[in-house]
C-alpha atoms as a PDB file:
ATOM      1  CA  MET A   1     144.024  61.337 159.819  1.00  0.00           C
ATOM      2  CA  LYS A   2     145.412  64.966 160.164  1.00  0.00           C
ATOM      3  CA  LEU A   3     147.269  64.916 163.440  1.00  0.00           C
ATOM      4  CA  GLY A   4     149.262  66.907 166.006  1.00  0.00           C
ATOM      5  CA  ILE A   5     151.186  66.286 168.344  1.00  0.00           C
ATOM      6  CA  PHE A   6     152.174  68.612 170.436  1.00  0.00           C
ATOM      7  CA  GLY A   7     154.898  67.113 173.259  1.00  0.00           C
ATOM      8  CA  GLY A   8     156.619  68.741 176.470  1.00  0.00           C
ATOM      9  CA  SER A   9     156.763  68.579 180.224  1.00  0.00           C
ATOM     10  CA  PHE A  10     153.699  70.045 180.381  1.00  0.00           C
ATOM     11  CA  ASP A  11     154.514  70.945 183.929  1.00  0.00           C
ATOM     12  CA  PRO A  12     151.722  73.146 184.677  1.00  0.00           C
ATOM     13  CA  ILE A  13     149.899  73.282 181.392  1.00  0.00           C
ATOM     14  CA  HIS A  14     148.498  76.446 180.391  1.00  0.00           C
ATOM     15  CA  TYR A  15     146.490  78.422 178.399  1.00  0.00           C
ATOM     16  CA  GLY A  16     149.691  79.539 176.118  1.00  0.00           C
ATOM     17  CA  HIS A  17     149.679  75.870 175.253  1.00  0.00           C
ATOM     18  CA  LEU A  18     145.594  74.946 174.930  1.00  0.00           C
ATOM     19  CA  LEU A  19     145.623  78.584 172.453  1.00  0.00           C
ATOM     20  CA  LEU A  20     148.846  76.644 170.409  1.00  0.00           C
ATOM     21  CA  ALA A  21     146.700  73.508 170.055  1.00  0.00           C
ATOM     22  CA  GLU A  22     143.532  75.137 169.349  1.00  0.00           C
ATOM     23  CA  SER A  23     144.583  77.467 166.828  1.00  0.00           C
ATOM     24  CA  ALA A  24     146.801  75.192 164.939  1.00  0.00           C
ATOM     25  CA  ARG A  25     143.326  72.288 164.726  1.00  0.00           C
ATOM     26  CA  GLU A  26     141.209  75.502 163.098  1.00  0.00           C
ATOM     27  CA  GLN A  27     143.957  76.531 160.849  1.00  0.00           C
ATOM     28  CA  LEU A  28     144.825  73.488 159.812  1.00  0.00           C
ATOM     29  CA  ALA A  29     141.664  71.418 160.357  1.00  0.00           C
ATOM     30  CA  LEU A  30     143.324  68.861 161.896  1.00  0.00           C
ATOM     31  CA  ASP A  31     141.350  66.407 162.841  1.00  0.00           C
ATOM     32  CA  GLN A  32     142.660  65.572 166.644  1.00  0.00           C
ATOM     33  CA  VAL A  33     145.821  66.699 167.938  1.00  0.00           C
ATOM     34  CA  TRP A  34     147.499  65.315 170.918  1.00  0.00           C
ATOM     35  CA  PHE A  35     149.384  65.900 173.760  1.00  0.00           C
ATOM     36  CA  ILE A  36     151.884  63.952 175.174  1.00  0.00           C
ATOM     37  CA  PRO A  37     153.732  64.635 178.067  1.00  0.00           C
ATOM     38  CA  ALA A  38     157.650  62.946 178.318  1.00  0.00           C
ATOM     39  CA  ALA A  39     158.379  61.335 180.743  1.00  0.00           C
ATOM     40  CA  ILE A  40     162.583  62.937 180.674  1.00  0.00           C
ATOM     41  CA  ALA A  41     163.074  65.611 178.340  1.00  0.00           C
ATOM     42  CA  PRO A  42     166.107  65.759 176.855  1.00  0.00           C
ATOM     43  CA  HIS A  43     166.869  69.487 178.366  1.00  0.00           C
ATOM     44  CA  LYS A  44     165.588  68.766 181.521  1.00  0.00           C
ATOM     45  CA  GLN A  45     167.894  65.683 182.330  1.00  0.00           C
ATOM     46  CA  GLY A  46     168.391  65.994 186.121  1.00  0.00           C
ATOM     47  CA  LYS A  47     165.518  68.343 186.786  1.00  0.00           C
ATOM     48  CA  THR A  48     163.217  67.349 189.602  1.00  0.00           C
ATOM     49  CA  ALA A  49     159.628  67.541 187.526  1.00  0.00           C
ATOM     50  CA  THR A  50     155.697  67.114 189.246  1.00  0.00           C
ATOM     51  CA  SER A  51     155.260  63.676 188.895  1.00  0.00           C
ATOM     52  CA  ALA A  52     153.907  62.095 185.632  1.00  0.00           C
ATOM     53  CA  LYS A  53     149.906  60.460 187.568  1.00  0.00           C
ATOM     54  CA  GLN A  54     150.226  64.355 187.817  1.00  0.00           C
ATOM     55  CA  ARG A  55     151.187  66.555 185.538  1.00  0.00           C
ATOM     56  CA  ILE A  56     148.780  63.443 183.017  1.00  0.00           C
ATOM     57  CA  GLU A  57     146.088  64.265 185.865  1.00  0.00           C
ATOM     58  CA  MET A  58     146.389  68.334 184.801  1.00  0.00           C
ATOM     59  CA  LEU A  59     146.387  67.449 181.259  1.00  0.00           C
ATOM     60  CA  GLU A  60     142.861  65.302 181.449  1.00  0.00           C
ATOM     61  CA  LEU A  61     141.200  68.767 183.270  1.00  0.00           C
ATOM     62  CA  ALA A  62     142.707  71.469 181.391  1.00  0.00           C
ATOM     63  CA  ILE A  63     141.330  69.663 177.292  1.00  0.00           C
ATOM     64  CA  ALA A  64     138.020  68.434 179.199  1.00  0.00           C
ATOM     65  CA  GLY A  65     135.258  69.226 176.965  1.00  0.00           C
ATOM     66  CA  GLN A  66     136.981  69.559 174.333  1.00  0.00           C
ATOM     67  CA  SER A  67     136.414  66.485 172.144  1.00  0.00           C
ATOM     68  CA  ALA A  68     139.748  66.912 169.397  1.00  0.00           C
ATOM     69  CA  PHE A  69     141.612  66.531 171.980  1.00  0.00           C
ATOM     70  CA  HIS A  70     143.884  63.152 173.348  1.00  0.00           C
ATOM     71  CA  ILE A  71     146.624  62.404 175.692  1.00  0.00           C
ATOM     72  CA  SER A  72     148.770  60.207 174.931  1.00  0.00           C
ATOM     73  CA  THR A  73     151.279  58.500 177.983  1.00  0.00           C
ATOM     74  CA  ILE A  74     153.191  57.073 174.496  1.00  0.00           C
ATOM     75  CA  GLU A  75     156.495  58.795 175.765  1.00  0.00           C
ATOM     76  CA  ILE A  76     155.864  58.795 179.672  1.00  0.00           C
ATOM     77  CA  ASP A  77     154.878  54.095 179.050  1.00  0.00           C
ATOM     78  CA  ARG A  78     158.289  53.491 176.902  1.00  0.00           C
ATOM     79  CA  GLY A  79     160.338  55.592 179.989  1.00  0.00           C
ATOM     80  CA  GLY A  80     163.759  57.303 180.070  1.00  0.00           C
ATOM     81  CA  VAL A  81     164.632  60.458 178.055  1.00  0.00           C
ATOM     82  CA  SER A  82     161.858  61.258 175.472  1.00  0.00           C
ATOM     83  CA  TYR A  83     163.617  62.223 171.998  1.00  0.00           C
ATOM     84  CA  THR A  84     161.252  63.353 169.300  1.00  0.00           C
ATOM     85  CA  VAL A  85     161.983  61.179 166.598  1.00  0.00           C
ATOM     86  CA  ASP A  86     161.240  57.584 168.588  1.00  0.00           C
ATOM     87  CA  THR A  87     158.356  58.973 169.649  1.00  0.00           C
ATOM     88  CA  LEU A  88     156.463  60.008 165.918  1.00  0.00           C
ATOM     89  CA  ARG A  89     157.942  56.457 164.616  1.00  0.00           C
ATOM     90  CA  ALA A  90     155.419  54.832 166.516  1.00  0.00           C
ATOM     91  CA  ILE A  91     153.196  56.679 166.005  1.00  0.00           C
ATOM     92  CA  HIS A  92     153.142  55.600 162.261  1.00  0.00           C
ATOM     93  CA  GLU A  93     152.979  52.504 164.123  1.00  0.00           C
ATOM     94  CA  GLN A  94     150.564  53.049 165.483  1.00  0.00           C
ATOM     95  CA  VAL A  95     148.040  55.513 163.214  1.00  0.00           C
ATOM     96  CA  ALA A  96     148.791  53.750 159.180  1.00  0.00           C
ATOM     97  CA  GLY A  97     148.205  56.500 157.306  1.00  0.00           C
ATOM     98  CA  ALA A  98     147.922  59.850 159.060  1.00  0.00           C
ATOM     99  CA  GLU A  99     150.048  62.233 158.156  1.00  0.00           C
ATOM    100  CA  LEU A 100     151.911  64.227 161.634  1.00  0.00           C
ATOM    101  CA  TYR A 101     152.222  67.857 162.173  1.00  0.00           C
ATOM    102  CA  LEU A 102     154.762  68.619 165.005  1.00  0.00           C
ATOM    103  CA  LEU A 103     153.118  71.662 166.917  1.00  0.00           C
ATOM    104  CA  MET A 104     156.087  73.752 168.601  1.00  0.00           C
ATOM    105  CA  GLY A 105     156.825  77.450 168.688  1.00  0.00           C
ATOM    106  CA  ALA A 106     159.695  79.475 167.151  1.00  0.00           C
ATOM    107  CA  ASP A 107     162.542  78.997 169.791  1.00  0.00           C
ATOM    108  CA  SER A 108     161.987  74.856 169.325  1.00  0.00           C
ATOM    109  CA  LEU A 109     162.104  75.047 165.870  1.00  0.00           C
ATOM    110  CA  ALA A 110     165.525  76.751 166.120  1.00  0.00           C
ATOM    111  CA  ASP A 111     166.963  74.065 168.652  1.00  0.00           C
ATOM    112  CA  LEU A 112     165.935  71.529 165.923  1.00  0.00           C
ATOM    113  CA  LEU A 113     168.857  71.237 164.497  1.00  0.00           C
ATOM    114  CA  ILE A 114     170.441  69.529 168.041  1.00  0.00           C
ATOM    115  CA  TRP A 115     168.111  67.296 168.386  1.00  0.00           C
ATOM    116  CA  ARG A 116     168.265  63.114 167.982  1.00  0.00           C
ATOM    117  CA  GLU A 117     168.022  62.381 164.079  1.00  0.00           C
ATOM    118  CA  PRO A 118     166.462  66.003 162.680  1.00  0.00           C
ATOM    119  CA  ALA A 119     166.392  65.283 159.421  1.00  0.00           C
ATOM    120  CA  ALA A 120     163.709  62.226 160.756  1.00  0.00           C
ATOM    121  CA  ILE A 121     161.815  64.602 162.359  1.00  0.00           C
ATOM    122  CA  CYS A 122     161.118  66.622 159.399  1.00  0.00           C
ATOM    123  CA  GLU A 123     160.290  63.832 156.596  1.00  0.00           C
ATOM    124  CA  LEU A 124     157.822  62.308 159.695  1.00  0.00           C
ATOM    125  CA  ALA A 125     155.860  64.974 160.014  1.00  0.00           C
ATOM    126  CA  TRP A 126     155.570  68.455 159.352  1.00  0.00           C
ATOM    127  CA  PRO A 127     156.642  71.354 161.605  1.00  0.00           C
ATOM    128  CA  VAL A 128     154.155  73.534 162.634  1.00  0.00           C
ATOM    129  CA  VAL A 129     155.582  76.899 164.559  1.00  0.00           C
ATOM    130  CA  SER A 130     153.959  79.749 166.204  1.00  0.00           C
ATOM    131  CA  ARG A 131     156.121  82.851 167.977  1.00  0.00           C
ATOM    132  CA  ARG A 132     156.398  83.045 171.242  1.00  0.00           C
ATOM    133  CA  ALA A 133     156.292  87.143 172.895  1.00  0.00           C
ATOM    134  CA  ASP A 134     159.877  86.538 174.009  1.00  0.00           C
ATOM    135  CA  ALA A 135     161.239  85.272 170.894  1.00  0.00           C
ATOM    136  CA  PRO A 136     161.630  86.552 166.939  1.00  0.00           C
ATOM    137  CA  GLU A 137     159.783  85.431 164.275  1.00  0.00           C
ATOM    138  CA  PRO A 138     160.447  81.838 163.609  1.00  0.00           C
ATOM    139  CA  ASP A 139     163.894  81.448 161.078  1.00  0.00           C
ATOM    140  CA  PHE A 140     163.049  77.962 158.871  1.00  0.00           C
ATOM    141  CA  SER A 141     166.680  79.192 157.169  1.00  0.00           C
ATOM    142  CA  ALA A 142     168.605  76.459 159.080  1.00  0.00           C
ATOM    143  CA  LEU A 143     166.381  73.596 158.467  1.00  0.00           C
ATOM    144  CA  ALA A 144     167.472  74.184 154.410  1.00  0.00           C
ATOM    145  CA  GLN A 145     170.098  71.403 154.475  1.00  0.00           C
ATOM    146  CA  LEU A 146     167.844  68.520 156.027  1.00  0.00           C
ATOM    147  CA  VAL A 147     164.635  69.029 153.279  1.00  0.00           C
ATOM    148  CA  GLU A 148     164.159  69.976 149.690  1.00  0.00           C
ATOM    149  CA  PRO A 149     163.288  73.302 149.384  1.00  0.00           C
ATOM    150  CA  ALA A 150     159.935  72.021 148.120  1.00  0.00           C
ATOM    151  CA  ARG A 151     159.110  70.328 151.434  1.00  0.00           C
ATOM    152  CA  LEU A 152     161.245  73.751 153.375  1.00  0.00           C
ATOM    153  CA  GLN A 153     158.331  76.001 151.164  1.00  0.00           C
ATOM    154  CA  THR A 154     155.228  74.411 152.464  1.00  0.00           C
ATOM    155  CA  MET A 155     156.782  74.044 155.920  1.00  0.00           C
ATOM    156  CA  GLU A 156     156.481  78.398 156.537  1.00  0.00           C
ATOM    157  CA  SER A 157     153.241  78.102 154.685  1.00  0.00           C
ATOM    158  CA  LEU A 158     152.302  76.165 157.725  1.00  0.00           C
ATOM    159  CA  ARG A 159     152.592  78.423 160.308  1.00  0.00           C
ATOM    160  CA  VAL A 160     150.190  78.846 162.747  1.00  0.00           C
ATOM    161  CA  GLN A 161     149.033  82.571 163.856  1.00  0.00           C
ATOM    162  CA  MET A 162     147.846  82.859 167.312  1.00  0.00           C
ATOM    163  CA  PRO A 163     147.500  85.977 170.264  1.00  0.00           C
ATOM    164  CA  ILE A 164     150.897  86.102 171.457  1.00  0.00           C
ATOM    165  CA  ILE A 165     150.844  85.895 175.520  1.00  0.00           C
ATOM    166  CA  GLN A 166     153.357  85.640 177.841  1.00  0.00           C
ATOM    167  CA  PHE A 167     152.498  83.109 179.412  1.00  0.00           C
ATOM    168  CA  SER A 168     155.556  80.116 180.617  1.00  0.00           C
ATOM    169  CA  SER A 169     155.763  76.939 182.996  1.00  0.00           C
ATOM    170  CA  THR A 170     157.958  77.902 184.536  1.00  0.00           C
ATOM    171  CA  ASP A 171     156.443  81.478 185.353  1.00  0.00           C
ATOM    172  CA  LEU A 172     154.167  79.519 186.818  1.00  0.00           C
ATOM    173  CA  ARG A 173     155.379  76.568 189.679  1.00  0.00           C
ATOM    174  CA  GLN A 174     157.142  80.235 190.362  1.00  0.00           C
ATOM    175  CA  ARG A 175     153.968  82.116 191.309  1.00  0.00           C
ATOM    176  CA  ALA A 176     152.714  78.950 192.875  1.00  0.00           C
ATOM    177  CA  ALA A 177     155.904  78.721 194.720  1.00  0.00           C
ATOM    178  CA  GLU A 178     155.698  82.406 196.015  1.00  0.00           C
ATOM    179  CA  GLY A 179     151.862  81.827 196.766  1.00  0.00           C
ATOM    180  CA  ARG A 180     150.575  84.097 193.837  1.00  0.00           C
ATOM    181  CA  SER A 181     147.583  83.728 191.753  1.00  0.00           C
ATOM    182  CA  LEU A 182     147.520  81.457 188.739  1.00  0.00           C
ATOM    183  CA  ARG A 183     144.005  82.347 187.744  1.00  0.00           C
ATOM    184  CA  TYR A 184     143.545  83.240 184.143  1.00  0.00           C
ATOM    185  CA  ARG A 185     146.783  81.885 183.265  1.00  0.00           C
ATOM    186  CA  THR A 186     145.428  78.277 183.278  1.00  0.00           C
ATOM    187  CA  PRO A 187     142.037  76.110 183.281  1.00  0.00           C
ATOM    188  CA  ARG A 188     140.803  76.784 186.659  1.00  0.00           C
ATOM    189  CA  ALA A 189     140.368  73.466 187.859  1.00  0.00           C
ATOM    190  CA  VAL A 190     144.288  72.769 187.076  1.00  0.00           C
ATOM    191  CA  GLU A 191     144.737  76.080 189.552  1.00  0.00           C
ATOM    192  CA  GLN A 192     142.000  74.302 192.056  1.00  0.00           C
ATOM    193  CA  TYR A 193     144.626  71.295 191.821  1.00  0.00           C
ATOM    194  CA  ILE A 194     147.641  72.529 191.936  1.00  0.00           C
ATOM    195  CA  LEU A 195     147.021  74.097 195.077  1.00  0.00           C
ATOM    196  CA  ALA A 196     144.752  71.246 196.755  1.00  0.00           C
ATOM    197  CA  GLN A 197     147.837  69.338 196.101  1.00  0.00           C
ATOM    198  CA  GLY A 198     150.358  71.289 197.108  1.00  0.00           C
ATOM    199  CA  LEU A 199     152.743  71.467 193.923  1.00  0.00           C
ATOM    200  CA  TYR A 200     155.630  73.294 193.471  1.00  0.00           C
ATOM    201  CA  ARG A 201     155.208  75.200 196.792  1.00  0.00           C
END
């Protein structure tokens, strides 16, 4: 089983997230993509986040109709700070024999060396990278100290091509706070949920 792993706060989910997930599913022939909302992201400790329940409900609205997309609450159920290496190990126990593909933007790749146990992450899953509009081309050179040359070469070949769009959850929260339009930045059902719940105001 080829399983895509897509972690993040998803506060809120937007079309950039969905397009990356679908591009990776199609180009890498993934059987499933799991969206895994973080309980507390390591780089966002102490920051107010929308409740886990609300973020999950927005995810459910966003991926409805795509049978290959699923939501895993493994990090929320575990609680505390969400570390990718712990999640990957748990998924390997949960889905024996699965080949894991860790979806991320080029900005996350640049920070991978400061994540908890980066070498273990690169052994547990294949990092799958897509370039964000505000980031340079992915640079895998830093990972040379973590993996064998052949594995690094395979990682570089797994780069996902997708249209470059400039969406971010930060921008959507700011727009919502200012009462500006969210249309065509996130699925209509998510937009209506944000308005109905009064999120980010």
